[in-house]
Structure formats: structure tokens, C-alpha cells
Amino acid sequence: MGAPYNAIDVANYIIEKDTKPTNLRVQKLLYFAFGEKLAASNKCLFHEDIEKWRLGPVIPEVYHNFKDYGSEEISPQQRVFLNEEGRVQRERFDESVIEEEDRKFIDRIIACFKEKSDFELVEETHKHPMWQQFSDDINGGIRHLRYTNKEIKKYFQENSYL
């Protein structure tokens, strides 16, 4: 598999395939996909950091690109992506930027959580020890606490959802 990708490309793929893609939901699906891929292959799905926020794991770059949607579903026609110069553009997303094997893997993640609401996904991530151990700091307003690949890999190796 050819990762790592840009997280925004993986997010756009999720928006294309998920039935109710809100920013909150996309964040959690990105986290689960990242964790499962790292545990299974020792490879990162994307290169951006994942931070520990009040509502669970968040990739800030993706969050800021879609925050204007609030809690509403993200319209597939309004997706964003990074062009060759690294600039954000709003156009139709070309899923071929993600290799077919990785698309199938992400599809499995989406299918695994399709019956879960956004806040059920939040509750699930709050059960993870690497969020729990920092919950007082997170809820106290400390920002930019990052998940480490080591803790994500360890958790998902021991607790696979697939």
C-alpha cells in the first residue's frame, strides 16, 4: 500500500463513501482507519498529526477545512483537496489518488461503523486509554496534545475493530 496520503484526501474519500459524513464523524473514521492500518501494516495512512480534543481524536488540518459545515453533513460536491502546489482547492475529488487496496481498507472501516452515530464514535474514542489518561488536561483546555503512533499502534493491535 502506498501511504501515507494527505489526510484531506482520505477525508474526501470518506465523504464520498460514507452515508452521513459530518466533520465530527469524518474525524473519528480517519482515526479508526489510521489506527487499524498502522496496527495491521506498520504503515501510516496519512502523515498529519492526530490531536486529543474534547470530542476525541481530531486532525486539525481536516477539521479547519470542513468547520464551516458545523454539525451538518458535508456535501460531496464541496470537497477540498491539496493541489500540486500544496494549495487548497474546492473541486470534485478524484479517489484514484488513494490506491485501490487502501480504498478497500477504508471502505471496511466505514462499513464497520456505519450503524454508529457521531456521538457513539466519540464515546468509543473516549474509552481509549491514550485519551482517558489526558481527559482532565483536555477538558481543562490544554491544547495540541498529540497521539503518538506508538500508542495508537499498541491500542489497535490489542483492540482491532475489523
C-alpha atoms as a PDB file:
ATOM      1  CA  MET A   1       0.000   0.000   0.000  1.00  0.00           C
ATOM      2  CA  GLY A   2       1.310   3.390  -0.984  1.00  0.00           C
ATOM      3  CA  ALA A   3       0.506   5.544   2.028  1.00  0.00           C
ATOM      4  CA  PRO A   4       0.999   7.936   3.618  1.00  0.00           C
ATOM      5  CA  TYR A   5      -1.526  10.159   1.939  1.00  0.00           C
ATOM      6  CA  ASN A   6      -2.627  13.654   2.798  1.00  0.00           C
ATOM      7  CA  ALA A   7      -5.298  13.373   5.488  1.00  0.00           C
ATOM      8  CA  ILE A   8      -7.546  15.665   3.457  1.00  0.00           C
ATOM      9  CA  ASP A   9      -7.518  13.133   0.607  1.00  0.00           C
ATOM     10  CA  VAL A  10      -8.515  10.319   2.952  1.00  0.00           C
ATOM     11  CA  ALA A  11     -11.204  12.585   4.431  1.00  0.00           C
ATOM     12  CA  ASN A  12     -12.533  13.352   0.959  1.00  0.00           C
ATOM     13  CA  TYR A  13     -12.689   9.651   0.187  1.00  0.00           C
ATOM     14  CA  ILE A  14     -14.660   9.048   3.392  1.00  0.00           C
ATOM     15  CA  ILE A  15     -17.015  11.900   2.480  1.00  0.00           C
ATOM     16  CA  GLU A  16     -17.540  10.263  -0.903  1.00  0.00           C
ATOM     17  CA  LYS A  17     -18.363   6.855   0.564  1.00  0.00           C
ATOM     18  CA  ASP A  18     -19.998   7.447   3.973  1.00  0.00           C
ATOM     19  CA  THR A  19     -23.761   7.957   4.107  1.00  0.00           C
ATOM     20  CA  LYS A  20     -23.725  10.790   6.671  1.00  0.00           C
ATOM     21  CA  PRO A  21     -20.313  12.478   6.643  1.00  0.00           C
ATOM     22  CA  THR A  22     -20.166  15.241   9.226  1.00  0.00           C
ATOM     23  CA  ASN A  23     -16.865  16.794  10.249  1.00  0.00           C
ATOM     24  CA  LEU A  24     -17.099  15.018  13.616  1.00  0.00           C
ATOM     25  CA  ARG A  25     -17.788  11.648  12.015  1.00  0.00           C
ATOM     26  CA  VAL A  26     -15.062  12.029   9.400  1.00  0.00           C
ATOM     27  CA  GLN A  27     -12.550  12.829  12.167  1.00  0.00           C
ATOM     28  CA  LYS A  28     -13.378   9.627  14.031  1.00  0.00           C
ATOM     29  CA  LEU A  29     -13.349   7.475  10.886  1.00  0.00           C
ATOM     30  CA  LEU A  30      -9.940   8.930   9.985  1.00  0.00           C
ATOM     31  CA  TYR A  31      -8.658   7.978  13.433  1.00  0.00           C
ATOM     32  CA  PHE A  32     -10.015   4.433  13.268  1.00  0.00           C
ATOM     33  CA  ALA A  33      -8.661   3.959   9.744  1.00  0.00           C
ATOM     34  CA  PHE A  34      -5.260   5.318  10.784  1.00  0.00           C
ATOM     35  CA  GLY A  35      -5.105   3.049  13.832  1.00  0.00           C
ATOM     36  CA  GLU A  36      -6.203  -0.105  12.042  1.00  0.00           C
ATOM     37  CA  LYS A  37      -3.778   0.476   9.159  1.00  0.00           C
ATOM     38  CA  LEU A  38      -0.868   1.209  11.489  1.00  0.00           C
ATOM     39  CA  ALA A  39      -1.584  -1.894  13.574  1.00  0.00           C
ATOM     40  CA  ALA A  40      -2.027  -4.158  10.541  1.00  0.00           C
ATOM     41  CA  SER A  41       0.846  -2.994   8.342  1.00  0.00           C
ATOM     42  CA  ASN A  42       3.096  -0.758  10.472  1.00  0.00           C
ATOM     43  CA  LYS A  43       2.410   1.979   7.894  1.00  0.00           C
ATOM     44  CA  CYS A  44       0.696   5.316   8.449  1.00  0.00           C
ATOM     45  CA  LEU A  45      -2.381   6.063   6.361  1.00  0.00           C
ATOM     46  CA  PHE A  46      -1.611   9.798   6.371  1.00  0.00           C
ATOM     47  CA  HIS A  47       1.203  11.969   7.655  1.00  0.00           C
ATOM     48  CA  GLU A  48      -0.641  14.653   9.659  1.00  0.00           C
ATOM     49  CA  ASP A  49      -0.738  14.594  13.462  1.00  0.00           C
ATOM     50  CA  ILE A  50      -3.835  13.479  15.345  1.00  0.00           C
ATOM     51  CA  GLU A  51      -4.646  15.618  18.363  1.00  0.00           C
ATOM     52  CA  LYS A  52      -6.598  14.811  21.528  1.00  0.00           C
ATOM     53  CA  TRP A  53      -9.610  17.134  21.640  1.00  0.00           C
ATOM     54  CA  ARG A  54     -12.678  17.216  23.889  1.00  0.00           C
ATOM     55  CA  LEU A  55     -14.688  15.211  21.385  1.00  0.00           C
ATOM     56  CA  GLY A  56     -11.887  12.734  20.755  1.00  0.00           C
ATOM     57  CA  PRO A  57      -9.231  12.494  18.064  1.00  0.00           C
ATOM     58  CA  VAL A  58      -9.013  15.291  15.504  1.00  0.00           C
ATOM     59  CA  ILE A  59      -6.734  16.014  12.571  1.00  0.00           C
ATOM     60  CA  PRO A  60      -6.642  19.844  12.793  1.00  0.00           C
ATOM     61  CA  GLU A  61      -5.956  20.432   9.083  1.00  0.00           C
ATOM     62  CA  VAL A  62      -9.040  18.421   8.136  1.00  0.00           C
ATOM     63  CA  TYR A  63     -11.175  19.972  10.870  1.00  0.00           C
ATOM     64  CA  HIS A  64     -10.388  23.519   9.720  1.00  0.00           C
ATOM     65  CA  ASN A  65     -11.139  22.688   6.087  1.00  0.00           C
ATOM     66  CA  PHE A  66     -14.650  21.485   6.964  1.00  0.00           C
ATOM     67  CA  LYS A  67     -15.547  23.500  10.080  1.00  0.00           C
ATOM     68  CA  ASP A  68     -17.889  25.774   8.117  1.00  0.00           C
ATOM     69  CA  TYR A  69     -20.285  22.814   7.891  1.00  0.00           C
ATOM     70  CA  GLY A  70     -20.675  22.788  11.668  1.00  0.00           C
ATOM     71  CA  SER A  71     -22.598  19.643  12.563  1.00  0.00           C
ATOM     72  CA  GLU A  72     -24.232  19.391   9.134  1.00  0.00           C
ATOM     73  CA  GLU A  73     -23.352  16.745   6.575  1.00  0.00           C
ATOM     74  CA  ILE A  74     -20.534  17.675   4.231  1.00  0.00           C
ATOM     75  CA  SER A  75     -21.656  17.941   0.645  1.00  0.00           C
ATOM     76  CA  PRO A  76     -19.530  15.744  -1.647  1.00  0.00           C
ATOM     77  CA  GLN A  77     -19.587  18.455  -4.320  1.00  0.00           C
ATOM     78  CA  GLN A  78     -17.800  20.874  -1.995  1.00  0.00           C
ATOM     79  CA  ARG A  79     -14.838  18.748  -1.016  1.00  0.00           C
ATOM     80  CA  VAL A  80     -11.407  20.265  -0.720  1.00  0.00           C
ATOM     81  CA  PHE A  81      -8.050  18.888  -1.746  1.00  0.00           C
ATOM     82  CA  LEU A  82      -4.441  19.955  -1.973  1.00  0.00           C
ATOM     83  CA  ASN A  83      -3.213  20.716  -5.480  1.00  0.00           C
ATOM     84  CA  GLU A  84       0.352  20.125  -6.708  1.00  0.00           C
ATOM     85  CA  GLU A  85       1.474  23.421  -5.153  1.00  0.00           C
ATOM     86  CA  GLY A  86       0.039  22.371  -1.787  1.00  0.00           C
ATOM     87  CA  ARG A  87      -2.813  24.874  -2.012  1.00  0.00           C
ATOM     88  CA  VAL A  88      -6.344  24.012  -1.005  1.00  0.00           C
ATOM     89  CA  GLN A  89      -8.865  23.881  -3.827  1.00  0.00           C
ATOM     90  CA  ARG A  90     -12.564  23.064  -3.853  1.00  0.00           C
ATOM     91  CA  GLU A  91     -13.349  20.737  -6.712  1.00  0.00           C
ATOM     92  CA  ARG A  92     -14.537  17.247  -7.457  1.00  0.00           C
ATOM     93  CA  PHE A  93     -12.376  14.726  -5.612  1.00  0.00           C
ATOM     94  CA  ASP A  94     -10.550  12.087  -7.644  1.00  0.00           C
ATOM     95  CA  GLU A  95     -10.471   8.961  -5.500  1.00  0.00           C
ATOM     96  CA  SER A  96      -7.681   7.456  -7.616  1.00  0.00           C
ATOM     97  CA  VAL A  97      -5.187   9.482  -5.523  1.00  0.00           C
ATOM     98  CA  ILE A  98      -5.690   6.676  -2.996  1.00  0.00           C
ATOM     99  CA  GLU A  99      -4.599   3.251  -4.150  1.00  0.00           C
ATOM    100  CA  GLU A 100      -7.348   0.690  -4.663  1.00  0.00           C
ATOM    101  CA  GLU A 101      -6.135  -1.573  -1.844  1.00  0.00           C
ATOM    102  CA  ASP A 102      -6.258   1.344   0.585  1.00  0.00           C
ATOM    103  CA  ARG A 103      -9.699   2.402  -0.679  1.00  0.00           C
ATOM    104  CA  LYS A 104     -10.973  -1.113   0.061  1.00  0.00           C
ATOM    105  CA  PHE A 105      -9.431  -0.913   3.528  1.00  0.00           C
ATOM    106  CA  ILE A 106     -11.111   2.447   4.227  1.00  0.00           C
ATOM    107  CA  ASP A 107     -14.396   1.021   2.909  1.00  0.00           C
ATOM    108  CA  ARG A 108     -14.132  -1.694   5.579  1.00  0.00           C
ATOM    109  CA  ILE A 109     -13.716   0.957   8.277  1.00  0.00           C
ATOM    110  CA  ILE A 110     -16.741   2.890   7.016  1.00  0.00           C
ATOM    111  CA  ALA A 111     -18.808  -0.324   6.935  1.00  0.00           C
ATOM    112  CA  CYS A 112     -17.665  -1.290  10.426  1.00  0.00           C
ATOM    113  CA  PHE A 113     -19.018   1.937  11.936  1.00  0.00           C
ATOM    114  CA  LYS A 114     -21.971   2.653   9.613  1.00  0.00           C
ATOM    115  CA  GLU A 115     -24.574   1.990  12.321  1.00  0.00           C
ATOM    116  CA  LYS A 116     -22.847   4.205  14.898  1.00  0.00           C
ATOM    117  CA  SER A 117     -23.892   7.798  15.436  1.00  0.00           C
ATOM    118  CA  ASP A 118     -21.320  10.576  15.579  1.00  0.00           C
ATOM    119  CA  PHE A 119     -21.500  10.690  19.354  1.00  0.00           C
ATOM    120  CA  GLU A 120     -21.299   6.927  19.704  1.00  0.00           C
ATOM    121  CA  LEU A 121     -17.990   7.213  17.839  1.00  0.00           C
ATOM    122  CA  VAL A 122     -16.911   9.971  20.238  1.00  0.00           C
ATOM    123  CA  GLU A 123     -17.850   7.799  23.218  1.00  0.00           C
ATOM    124  CA  GLU A 124     -15.862   4.911  21.767  1.00  0.00           C
ATOM    125  CA  THR A 125     -12.717   7.014  21.364  1.00  0.00           C
ATOM    126  CA  HIS A 126     -13.128   8.331  24.918  1.00  0.00           C
ATOM    127  CA  LYS A 127     -12.767   4.740  26.154  1.00  0.00           C
ATOM    128  CA  HIS A 128      -9.270   4.503  24.685  1.00  0.00           C
ATOM    129  CA  PRO A 129      -6.613   4.812  27.413  1.00  0.00           C
ATOM    130  CA  MET A 130      -4.498   7.265  25.437  1.00  0.00           C
ATOM    131  CA  TRP A 131      -7.424   9.731  25.507  1.00  0.00           C
ATOM    132  CA  GLN A 132      -8.601   8.845  29.027  1.00  0.00           C
ATOM    133  CA  GLN A 133      -5.231   9.441  30.658  1.00  0.00           C
ATOM    134  CA  PHE A 134      -5.271  13.033  29.370  1.00  0.00           C
ATOM    135  CA  SER A 135      -9.004  13.697  29.808  1.00  0.00           C
ATOM    136  CA  ASP A 136      -8.522  16.140  32.704  1.00  0.00           C
ATOM    137  CA  ASP A 137      -5.961  18.126  30.697  1.00  0.00           C
ATOM    138  CA  ILE A 138      -8.105  18.009  27.551  1.00  0.00           C
ATOM    139  CA  ASN A 139     -11.278  19.071  29.351  1.00  0.00           C
ATOM    140  CA  GLY A 140      -9.248  21.707  31.204  1.00  0.00           C
ATOM    141  CA  GLY A 141      -8.413  23.391  27.915  1.00  0.00           C
ATOM    142  CA  ILE A 142      -4.878  22.187  27.262  1.00  0.00           C
ATOM    143  CA  ARG A 143      -4.432  22.144  23.508  1.00  0.00           C
ATOM    144  CA  HIS A 144      -2.264  20.412  20.936  1.00  0.00           C
ATOM    145  CA  LEU A 145      -1.874  17.159  22.856  1.00  0.00           C
ATOM    146  CA  ARG A 146      -0.907  14.661  20.173  1.00  0.00           C
ATOM    147  CA  TYR A 147      -1.451  10.963  19.880  1.00  0.00           C
ATOM    148  CA  THR A 148       1.763   9.085  19.246  1.00  0.00           C
ATOM    149  CA  ASN A 149       1.950   6.434  16.566  1.00  0.00           C
ATOM    150  CA  LYS A 150       3.326   4.070  19.197  1.00  0.00           C
ATOM    151  CA  GLU A 151       0.271   4.361  21.467  1.00  0.00           C
ATOM    152  CA  ILE A 152      -2.153   4.157  18.541  1.00  0.00           C
ATOM    153  CA  LYS A 153      -0.430   1.082  17.124  1.00  0.00           C
ATOM    154  CA  LYS A 154      -0.345  -0.669  20.501  1.00  0.00           C
ATOM    155  CA  TYR A 155      -4.031   0.026  21.174  1.00  0.00           C
ATOM    156  CA  PHE A 156      -5.246  -1.151  17.780  1.00  0.00           C
ATOM    157  CA  GLN A 157      -3.055  -4.250  17.810  1.00  0.00           C
ATOM    158  CA  GLU A 158      -4.745  -5.223  21.061  1.00  0.00           C
ATOM    159  CA  ASN A 159      -8.250  -3.947  20.176  1.00  0.00           C
ATOM    160  CA  SER A 160      -8.971  -4.301  16.462  1.00  0.00           C
ATOM    161  CA  TYR A 161     -12.433  -3.278  15.266  1.00  0.00           C
ATOM    162  CA  LEU A 162     -12.160  -5.154  11.970  1.00  0.00           C
END
